Amino acid sequence: MDLFTTLLNMNNLQNDQILFVEEPWTPESQVSVQSVSLVENPLPQSFQLFLTTNELKRLALQFETRNVCLREICYLIIEYCLEKIKILKKSI
């Protein structure tokens, strides 16, 4: 399943799941959705931690208020994740 389809079907996701997305992150990137307690080890190197399903749902609702299409929301979520990584790297 790709990131756009995951976002489209996010209401089917359980709240205790984590999304790992294949890089580079685009709406067409493949997604591995895993339960927190059952994260496969190791995932293919091309997959990186993206968001929890709770964060995905929260961000989608937040960006929905901007009156943009779902694909644009997907890009906004990707941008959010990239900024989050940049901030984390600076703090290390």
PDB file of N, CA and C in Angstrom:
ATOM      1  N   MET A   1       0.852  -1.170   0.000  1.00  0.00           N
ATOM      2  CA  MET A   1       0.000   0.000   0.000  1.00  0.00           C
ATOM      3  C   MET A   1       0.901   1.238   0.000  1.00  0.00           C
ATOM      4  N   ASP A   2       0.490   2.258  -0.733  1.00  0.00           N
ATOM      5  CA  ASP A   2       1.303   3.477  -0.767  1.00  0.00           C
ATOM      6  C   ASP A   2       0.806   4.489   0.271  1.00  0.00           C
ATOM      7  N   LEU A   3       1.572   5.561   0.444  1.00  0.00           N
ATOM      8  CA  LEU A   3       1.276   6.550   1.476  1.00  0.00           C
ATOM      9  C   LEU A   3      -0.063   7.242   1.222  1.00  0.00           C
ATOM     10  N   PHE A   4      -0.352   7.570  -0.025  1.00  0.00           N
ATOM     11  CA  PHE A   4      -1.616   8.230  -0.341  1.00  0.00           C
ATOM     12  C   PHE A   4      -2.801   7.332   0.014  1.00  0.00           C
ATOM     13  N   THR A   5      -2.735   6.061  -0.347  1.00  0.00           N
ATOM     14  CA  THR A   5      -3.810   5.113  -0.035  1.00  0.00           C
ATOM     15  C   THR A   5      -3.934   4.914   1.469  1.00  0.00           C
ATOM     16  N   THR A   6      -2.807   4.898   2.165  1.00  0.00           N
ATOM     17  CA  THR A   6      -2.829   4.783   3.626  1.00  0.00           C
ATOM     18  C   THR A   6      -3.563   5.967   4.230  1.00  0.00           C
ATOM     19  N   LEU A   7      -3.277   7.152   3.740  1.00  0.00           N
ATOM     20  CA  LEU A   7      -3.949   8.359   4.219  1.00  0.00           C
ATOM     21  C   LEU A   7      -5.444   8.306   3.892  1.00  0.00           C
ATOM     22  N   LEU A   8      -5.761   7.851   2.713  1.00  0.00           N
ATOM     23  CA  LEU A   8      -7.151   7.733   2.279  1.00  0.00           C
ATOM     24  C   LEU A   8      -7.935   6.774   3.183  1.00  0.00           C
ATOM     25  N   ASN A   9      -7.274   5.716   3.639  1.00  0.00           N
ATOM     26  CA  ASN A   9      -7.917   4.688   4.465  1.00  0.00           C
ATOM     27  C   ASN A   9      -7.496   4.755   5.930  1.00  0.00           C
ATOM     28  N   MET A  10      -7.067   5.916   6.399  1.00  0.00           N
ATOM     29  CA  MET A  10      -6.506   6.017   7.751  1.00  0.00           C
ATOM     30  C   MET A  10      -7.489   5.631   8.850  1.00  0.00           C
ATOM     31  N   ASN A  11      -8.783   5.721   8.588  1.00  0.00           N
ATOM     32  CA  ASN A  11      -9.753   5.341   9.614  1.00  0.00           C
ATOM     33  C   ASN A  11      -9.758   3.840   9.873  1.00  0.00           C
ATOM     34  N   ASN A  12      -9.169   3.067   8.967  1.00  0.00           N
ATOM     35  CA  ASN A  12      -9.057   1.623   9.162  1.00  0.00           C
ATOM     36  C   ASN A  12      -7.829   1.242   9.980  1.00  0.00           C
ATOM     37  N   LEU A  13      -6.960   2.209  10.263  1.00  0.00           N
ATOM     38  CA  LEU A  13      -5.737   1.937  11.022  1.00  0.00           C
ATOM     39  C   LEU A  13      -6.025   1.955  12.514  1.00  0.00           C
ATOM     40  N   GLN A  14      -5.356   1.066  13.233  1.00  0.00           N
ATOM     41  CA  GLN A  14      -5.473   1.066  14.690  1.00  0.00           C
ATOM     42  C   GLN A  14      -4.571   2.157  15.242  1.00  0.00           C
ATOM     43  N   ASN A  15      -4.926   2.675  16.399  1.00  0.00           N
ATOM     44  CA  ASN A  15      -4.178   3.791  16.980  1.00  0.00           C
ATOM     45  C   ASN A  15      -2.818   3.403  17.543  1.00  0.00           C
ATOM     46  N   ASP A  16      -2.554   2.122  17.692  1.00  0.00           N
ATOM     47  CA  ASP A  16      -1.269   1.697  18.264  1.00  0.00           C
ATOM     48  C   ASP A  16      -0.308   1.194  17.187  1.00  0.00           C
ATOM     49  N   GLN A  17      -0.389   1.773  16.013  1.00  0.00           N
ATOM     50  CA  GLN A  17       0.461   1.330  14.914  1.00  0.00           C
ATOM     51  C   GLN A  17       1.464   2.413  14.530  1.00  0.00           C
ATOM     52  N   ILE A  18       2.520   1.957  13.866  1.00  0.00           N
ATOM     53  CA  ILE A  18       3.588   2.843  13.409  1.00  0.00           C
ATOM     54  C   ILE A  18       3.708   2.683  11.898  1.00  0.00           C
ATOM     55  N   LEU A  19       3.934   3.802  11.231  1.00  0.00           N
ATOM     56  CA  LEU A  19       4.128   3.772   9.783  1.00  0.00           C
ATOM     57  C   LEU A  19       5.611   3.881   9.461  1.00  0.00           C
ATOM     58  N   PHE A  20       6.093   2.954   8.672  1.00  0.00           N
ATOM     59  CA  PHE A  20       7.433   3.015   8.107  1.00  0.00           C
ATOM     60  C   PHE A  20       7.234   3.223   6.612  1.00  0.00           C
ATOM     61  N   VAL A  21       7.896   4.231   6.055  1.00  0.00           N
ATOM     62  CA  VAL A  21       7.669   4.589   4.655  1.00  0.00           C
ATOM     63  C   VAL A  21       8.979   4.498   3.890  1.00  0.00           C
ATOM     64  N   GLU A  22       8.868   3.958   2.678  1.00  0.00           N
ATOM     65  CA  GLU A  22      10.042   3.801   1.822  1.00  0.00           C
ATOM     66  C   GLU A  22      10.499   5.162   1.310  1.00  0.00           C
ATOM     67  N   GLU A  23      11.797   5.389   1.397  1.00  0.00           N
ATOM     68  CA  GLU A  23      12.373   6.643   0.906  1.00  0.00           C
ATOM     69  C   GLU A  23      12.661   6.542  -0.580  1.00  0.00           C
ATOM     70  N   PRO A  24      12.626   7.641  -1.290  1.00  0.00           N
ATOM     71  CA  PRO A  24      12.260   8.985  -0.855  1.00  0.00           C
ATOM     72  C   PRO A  24      10.755   9.066  -0.626  1.00  0.00           C
ATOM     73  N   TRP A  25      10.366   9.883   0.331  1.00  0.00           N
ATOM     74  CA  TRP A  25       8.965   9.991   0.713  1.00  0.00           C
ATOM     75  C   TRP A  25       8.171  10.787  -0.312  1.00  0.00           C
ATOM     76  N   THR A  26       7.214  10.118  -0.910  1.00  0.00           N
ATOM     77  CA  THR A  26       6.266  10.729  -1.844  1.00  0.00           C
ATOM     78  C   THR A  26       4.909  10.087  -1.567  1.00  0.00           C
ATOM     79  N   PRO A  27       3.839  10.610  -2.119  1.00  0.00           N
ATOM     80  CA  PRO A  27       2.544   9.955  -1.933  1.00  0.00           C
ATOM     81  C   PRO A  27       2.523   8.521  -2.480  1.00  0.00           C
ATOM     82  N   GLU A  28       3.409   8.219  -3.418  1.00  0.00           N
ATOM     83  CA  GLU A  28       3.459   6.879  -4.012  1.00  0.00           C
ATOM     84  C   GLU A  28       4.398   5.924  -3.275  1.00  0.00           C
ATOM     85  N   SER A  29       5.083   6.392  -2.249  1.00  0.00           N
ATOM     86  CA  SER A  29       6.016   5.542  -1.496  1.00  0.00           C
ATOM     87  C   SER A  29       5.263   4.415  -0.800  1.00  0.00           C
ATOM     88  N   GLN A  30       5.891   3.245  -0.788  1.00  0.00           N
ATOM     89  CA  GLN A  30       5.286   2.092  -0.125  1.00  0.00           C
ATOM     90  C   GLN A  30       5.348   2.256   1.390  1.00  0.00           C
ATOM     91  N   VAL A  31       4.329   1.726   2.069  1.00  0.00           N
ATOM     92  CA  VAL A  31       4.203   1.864   3.520  1.00  0.00           C
ATOM     93  C   VAL A  31       4.144   0.487   4.161  1.00  0.00           C
ATOM     94  N   SER A  32       4.821   0.359   5.285  1.00  0.00           N
ATOM     95  CA  SER A  32       4.703  -0.820   6.137  1.00  0.00           C
ATOM     96  C   SER A  32       4.069  -0.345   7.438  1.00  0.00           C
ATOM     97  N   VAL A  33       2.856  -0.822   7.717  1.00  0.00           N
ATOM     98  CA  VAL A  33       2.133  -0.446   8.933  1.00  0.00           C
ATOM     99  C   VAL A  33       2.303  -1.589   9.923  1.00  0.00           C
ATOM    100  N   GLN A  34       2.850  -1.259  11.105  1.00  0.00           N
ATOM    101  CA  GLN A  34       3.136  -2.307  12.081  1.00  0.00           C
ATOM    102  C   GLN A  34       2.654  -1.911  13.464  1.00  0.00           C
ATOM    103  N   SER A  35       2.230  -2.911  14.215  1.00  0.00           N
ATOM    104  CA  SER A  35       1.842  -2.666  15.604  1.00  0.00           C
ATOM    105  C   SER A  35       3.084  -2.361  16.412  1.00  0.00           C
ATOM    106  N   VAL A  36       2.945  -1.488  17.384  1.00  0.00           N
ATOM    107  CA  VAL A  36       4.076  -1.081  18.220  1.00  0.00           C
ATOM    108  C   VAL A  36       4.756  -2.295  18.833  1.00  0.00           C
ATOM    109  N   SER A  37       3.988  -3.256  19.278  1.00  0.00           N
ATOM    110  CA  SER A  37       4.554  -4.417  19.965  1.00  0.00           C
ATOM    111  C   SER A  37       5.133  -5.459  19.015  1.00  0.00           C
ATOM    112  N   LEU A  38       4.877  -5.323  17.719  1.00  0.00           N
ATOM    113  CA  LEU A  38       5.309  -6.351  16.765  1.00  0.00           C
ATOM    114  C   LEU A  38       6.152  -5.810  15.619  1.00  0.00           C
ATOM    115  N   VAL A  39       6.919  -4.777  15.860  1.00  0.00           N
ATOM    116  CA  VAL A  39       7.734  -4.192  14.791  1.00  0.00           C
ATOM    117  C   VAL A  39       8.737  -5.230  14.311  1.00  0.00           C
ATOM    118  N   GLU A  40       8.690  -5.493  13.005  1.00  0.00           N
ATOM    119  CA  GLU A  40       9.615  -6.465  12.417  1.00  0.00           C
ATOM    120  C   GLU A  40      11.034  -5.931  12.494  1.00  0.00           C
ATOM    121  N   ASN A  41      11.930  -6.836  12.752  1.00  0.00           N
ATOM    122  CA  ASN A  41      13.317  -6.427  12.806  1.00  0.00           C
ATOM    123  C   ASN A  41      14.123  -7.381  11.955  1.00  0.00           C
ATOM    124  N   PRO A  42      14.844  -6.963  11.004  1.00  0.00           N
ATOM    125  CA  PRO A  42      14.921  -5.589  10.511  1.00  0.00           C
ATOM    126  C   PRO A  42      13.949  -5.373   9.361  1.00  0.00           C
ATOM    127  N   LEU A  43      13.557  -4.166   9.184  1.00  0.00           N
ATOM    128  CA  LEU A  43      12.801  -3.756   8.000  1.00  0.00           C
ATOM    129  C   LEU A  43      13.812  -3.508   6.888  1.00  0.00           C
ATOM    130  N   PRO A  44      13.375  -3.574   5.643  1.00  0.00           N
ATOM    131  CA  PRO A  44      14.306  -3.214   4.566  1.00  0.00           C
ATOM    132  C   PRO A  44      14.880  -1.818   4.806  1.00  0.00           C
ATOM    133  N   GLN A  45      16.130  -1.621   4.446  1.00  0.00           N
ATOM    134  CA  GLN A  45      16.816  -0.346   4.697  1.00  0.00           C
ATOM    135  C   GLN A  45      16.122   0.850   4.075  1.00  0.00           C
ATOM    136  N   SER A  46      15.407   0.626   3.000  1.00  0.00           N
ATOM    137  CA  SER A  46      14.753   1.746   2.319  1.00  0.00           C
ATOM    138  C   SER A  46      13.551   2.290   3.091  1.00  0.00           C
ATOM    139  N   PHE A  47      13.088   1.544   4.105  1.00  0.00           N
ATOM    140  CA  PHE A  47      11.954   1.994   4.917  1.00  0.00           C
ATOM    141  C   PHE A  47      12.462   2.714   6.156  1.00  0.00           C
ATOM    142  N   GLN A  48      11.887   3.897   6.406  1.00  0.00           N
ATOM    143  CA  GLN A  48      12.278   4.687   7.570  1.00  0.00           C
ATOM    144  C   GLN A  48      11.044   5.010   8.403  1.00  0.00           C
ATOM    145  N   LEU A  49      11.263   5.163   9.693  1.00  0.00           N
ATOM    146  CA  LEU A  49      10.185   5.550  10.590  1.00  0.00           C
ATOM    147  C   LEU A  49       9.565   6.844  10.085  1.00  0.00           C
ATOM    148  N   PHE A  50       8.263   6.873  10.009  1.00  0.00           N
ATOM    149  CA  PHE A  50       7.559   8.041   9.472  1.00  0.00           C
ATOM    150  C   PHE A  50       6.722   8.698  10.562  1.00  0.00           C
ATOM    151  N   LEU A  51       5.662   8.047  10.995  1.00  0.00           N
ATOM    152  CA  LEU A  51       4.754   8.586  12.008  1.00  0.00           C
ATOM    153  C   LEU A  51       4.019   7.456  12.703  1.00  0.00           C
ATOM    154  N   THR A  52       3.435   7.783  13.843  1.00  0.00           N
ATOM    155  CA  THR A  52       2.467   6.858  14.432  1.00  0.00           C
ATOM    156  C   THR A  52       1.128   7.123  13.748  1.00  0.00           C
ATOM    157  N   THR A  53       0.235   6.169  13.823  1.00  0.00           N
ATOM    158  CA  THR A  53      -1.078   6.377  13.214  1.00  0.00           C
ATOM    159  C   THR A  53      -1.834   7.509  13.909  1.00  0.00           C
ATOM    160  N   ASN A  54      -1.636   7.667  15.210  1.00  0.00           N
ATOM    161  CA  ASN A  54      -2.265   8.793  15.921  1.00  0.00           C
ATOM    162  C   ASN A  54      -1.806  10.128  15.345  1.00  0.00           C
ATOM    163  N   GLU A  55      -0.494  10.255  15.104  1.00  0.00           N
ATOM    164  CA  GLU A  55       0.042  11.499  14.532  1.00  0.00           C
ATOM    165  C   GLU A  55      -0.508  11.734  13.127  1.00  0.00           C
ATOM    166  N   LEU A  56      -0.570  10.674  12.340  1.00  0.00           N
ATOM    167  CA  LEU A  56      -1.090  10.784  10.976  1.00  0.00           C
ATOM    168  C   LEU A  56      -2.516  11.326  10.992  1.00  0.00           C
ATOM    169  N   LYS A  57      -3.346  10.756  11.843  1.00  0.00           N
ATOM    170  CA  LYS A  57      -4.746  11.182  11.921  1.00  0.00           C
ATOM    171  C   LYS A  57      -4.856  12.623  12.416  1.00  0.00           C
ATOM    172  N   ARG A  58      -4.063  12.976  13.408  1.00  0.00           N
ATOM    173  CA  ARG A  58      -4.094  14.331  13.961  1.00  0.00           C
ATOM    174  C   ARG A  58      -3.671  15.354  12.903  1.00  0.00           C
ATOM    175  N   LEU A  59      -2.588  15.054  12.196  1.00  0.00           N
ATOM    176  CA  LEU A  59      -2.102  15.976  11.164  1.00  0.00           C
ATOM    177  C   LEU A  59      -3.092  16.103  10.010  1.00  0.00           C
ATOM    178  N   ALA A  60      -3.680  14.991   9.611  1.00  0.00           N
ATOM    179  CA  ALA A  60      -4.656  15.032   8.519  1.00  0.00           C
ATOM    180  C   ALA A  60      -5.832  15.928   8.896  1.00  0.00           C
ATOM    181  N   LEU A  61      -6.306  15.806  10.122  1.00  0.00           N
ATOM    182  CA  LEU A  61      -7.407  16.667  10.584  1.00  0.00           C
ATOM    183  C   LEU A  61      -6.977  18.128  10.640  1.00  0.00           C
ATOM    184  N   GLN A  62      -5.766  18.358  11.104  1.00  0.00           N
ATOM    185  CA  GLN A  62      -5.237  19.722  11.203  1.00  0.00           C
ATOM    186  C   GLN A  62      -5.116  20.363   9.817  1.00  0.00           C
ATOM    187  N   PHE A  63      -4.557  19.628   8.864  1.00  0.00           N
ATOM    188  CA  PHE A  63      -4.346  20.171   7.525  1.00  0.00           C
ATOM    189  C   PHE A  63      -5.643  20.247   6.713  1.00  0.00           C
ATOM    190  N   GLU A  64      -6.637  19.448   7.091  1.00  0.00           N
ATOM    191  CA  GLU A  64      -7.930  19.465   6.422  1.00  0.00           C
ATOM    192  C   GLU A  64      -8.572  20.851   6.486  1.00  0.00           C
ATOM    193  N   THR A  65      -8.284  21.587   7.545  1.00  0.00           N
ATOM    194  CA  THR A  65      -8.879  22.913   7.732  1.00  0.00           C
ATOM    195  C   THR A  65      -8.359  23.928   6.712  1.00  0.00           C
ATOM    196  N   ARG A  66      -7.300  23.577   6.000  1.00  0.00           N
ATOM    197  CA  ARG A  66      -6.737  24.487   4.989  1.00  0.00           C
ATOM    198  C   ARG A  66      -7.482  24.415   3.661  1.00  0.00           C
ATOM    199  N   ASN A  67      -8.482  23.554   3.608  1.00  0.00           N
ATOM    200  CA  ASN A  67      -9.289  23.418   2.394  1.00  0.00           C
ATOM    201  C   ASN A  67      -8.461  22.996   1.185  1.00  0.00           C
ATOM    202  N   VAL A  68      -7.605  22.001   1.362  1.00  0.00           N
ATOM    203  CA  VAL A  68      -6.782  21.488   0.264  1.00  0.00           C
ATOM    204  C   VAL A  68      -7.159  20.036   0.002  1.00  0.00           C
ATOM    205  N   CYS A  69      -6.784  19.531  -1.157  1.00  0.00           N
ATOM    206  CA  CYS A  69      -7.103  18.154  -1.522  1.00  0.00           C
ATOM    207  C   CYS A  69      -6.246  17.172  -0.711  1.00  0.00           C
ATOM    208  N   LEU A  70      -6.649  15.914  -0.738  1.00  0.00           N
ATOM    209  CA  LEU A  70      -5.965  14.886   0.044  1.00  0.00           C
ATOM    210  C   LEU A  70      -4.505  14.717  -0.379  1.00  0.00           C
ATOM    211  N   ARG A  71      -4.226  14.846  -1.661  1.00  0.00           N
ATOM    212  CA  ARG A  71      -2.836  14.722  -2.129  1.00  0.00           C
ATOM    213  C   ARG A  71      -1.981  15.840  -1.533  1.00  0.00           C
ATOM    214  N   GLU A  72      -2.509  17.045  -1.471  1.00  0.00           N
ATOM    215  CA  GLU A  72      -1.778  18.165  -0.864  1.00  0.00           C
ATOM    216  C   GLU A  72      -1.575  17.917   0.631  1.00  0.00           C
ATOM    217  N   ILE A  73      -2.568  17.352   1.291  1.00  0.00           N
ATOM    218  CA  ILE A  73      -2.427  16.996   2.712  1.00  0.00           C
ATOM    219  C   ILE A  73      -1.297  15.992   2.875  1.00  0.00           C
ATOM    220  N   CYS A  74      -1.207  15.053   1.949  1.00  0.00           N
ATOM    221  CA  CYS A  74      -0.133  14.058   1.982  1.00  0.00           C
ATOM    222  C   CYS A  74       1.231  14.747   1.896  1.00  0.00           C
ATOM    223  N   TYR A  75       1.368  15.704   0.984  1.00  0.00           N
ATOM    224  CA  TYR A  75       2.628  16.450   0.864  1.00  0.00           C
ATOM    225  C   TYR A  75       2.917  17.278   2.118  1.00  0.00           C
ATOM    226  N   LEU A  76       1.896  17.846   2.727  1.00  0.00           N
ATOM    227  CA  LEU A  76       2.086  18.620   3.959  1.00  0.00           C
ATOM    228  C   LEU A  76       2.563  17.724   5.102  1.00  0.00           C
ATOM    229  N   ILE A  77       2.038  16.511   5.163  1.00  0.00           N
ATOM    230  CA  ILE A  77       2.464  15.564   6.199  1.00  0.00           C
ATOM    231  C   ILE A  77       3.913  15.144   5.961  1.00  0.00           C
ATOM    232  N   ILE A  78       4.275  14.907   4.712  1.00  0.00           N
ATOM    233  CA  ILE A  78       5.666  14.570   4.387  1.00  0.00           C
ATOM    234  C   ILE A  78       6.583  15.717   4.797  1.00  0.00           C
ATOM    235  N   GLU A  79       6.194  16.931   4.466  1.00  0.00           N
ATOM    236  CA  GLU A  79       6.982  18.113   4.831  1.00  0.00           C
ATOM    237  C   GLU A  79       7.134  18.214   6.353  1.00  0.00           C
ATOM    238  N   TYR A  80       6.066  17.952   7.074  1.00  0.00           N
ATOM    239  CA  TYR A  80       6.105  17.973   8.539  1.00  0.00           C
ATOM    240  C   TYR A  80       7.134  16.956   9.052  1.00  0.00           C
ATOM    241  N   CYS A  81       7.103  15.754   8.507  1.00  0.00           N
ATOM    242  CA  CYS A  81       8.029  14.703   8.948  1.00  0.00           C
ATOM    243  C   CYS A  81       9.480  15.060   8.636  1.00  0.00           C
ATOM    244  N   LEU A  82       9.716  15.637   7.474  1.00  0.00           N
ATOM    245  CA  LEU A  82      11.075  16.046   7.115  1.00  0.00           C
ATOM    246  C   LEU A  82      11.587  17.135   8.050  1.00  0.00           C
ATOM    247  N   GLU A  83      10.727  18.080   8.408  1.00  0.00           N
ATOM    248  CA  GLU A  83      11.109  19.135   9.361  1.00  0.00           C
ATOM    249  C   GLU A  83      11.392  18.545  10.738  1.00  0.00           C
ATOM    250  N   LYS A  84      10.585  17.592  11.131  1.00  0.00           N
ATOM    251  CA  LYS A  84      10.759  16.924  12.429  1.00  0.00           C
ATOM    252  C   LYS A  84      12.126  16.235  12.495  1.00  0.00           C
ATOM    253  N   ILE A  85      12.502  15.576  11.417  1.00  0.00           N
ATOM    254  CA  ILE A  85      13.809  14.909  11.349  1.00  0.00           C
ATOM    255  C   ILE A  85      14.929  15.937  11.429  1.00  0.00           C
ATOM    256  N   LYS A  86      14.786  17.043  10.710  1.00  0.00           N
ATOM    257  CA  LYS A  86      15.800  18.096  10.716  1.00  0.00           C
ATOM    258  C   LYS A  86      16.011  18.631  12.138  1.00  0.00           C
ATOM    259  N   ILE A  87      14.931  18.858  12.849  1.00  0.00           N
ATOM    260  CA  ILE A  87      15.004  19.359  14.228  1.00  0.00           C
ATOM    261  C   ILE A  87      15.660  18.332  15.138  1.00  0.00           C
ATOM    262  N   LEU A  88      15.294  17.068  14.972  1.00  0.00           N
ATOM    263  CA  LEU A  88      15.891  16.009  15.795  1.00  0.00           C
ATOM    264  C   LEU A  88      17.390  15.890  15.551  1.00  0.00           C
ATOM    265  N   LYS A  89      17.803  15.999  14.297  1.00  0.00           N
ATOM    266  CA  LYS A  89      19.230  15.898  13.974  1.00  0.00           C
ATOM    267  C   LYS A  89      20.023  17.055  14.565  1.00  0.00           C
ATOM    268  N   LYS A  90      19.431  18.238  14.608  1.00  0.00           N
ATOM    269  CA  LYS A  90      20.108  19.397  15.191  1.00  0.00           C
ATOM    270  C   LYS A  90      20.289  19.242  16.695  1.00  0.00           C
ATOM    271  N   SER A  91      19.371  18.540  17.334  1.00  0.00           N
ATOM    272  CA  SER A  91      19.439  18.401  18.789  1.00  0.00           C
ATOM    273  C   SER A  91      20.404  17.307  19.238  1.00  0.00           C
ATOM    274  N   ILE A  92      20.901  16.528  18.291  1.00  0.00           N
ATOM    275  CA  ILE A  92      21.823  15.433  18.647  1.00  0.00           C
ATOM    276  C   ILE A  92      23.245  15.939  18.670  1.00  0.00           C
TER     277      ILE A  92
END
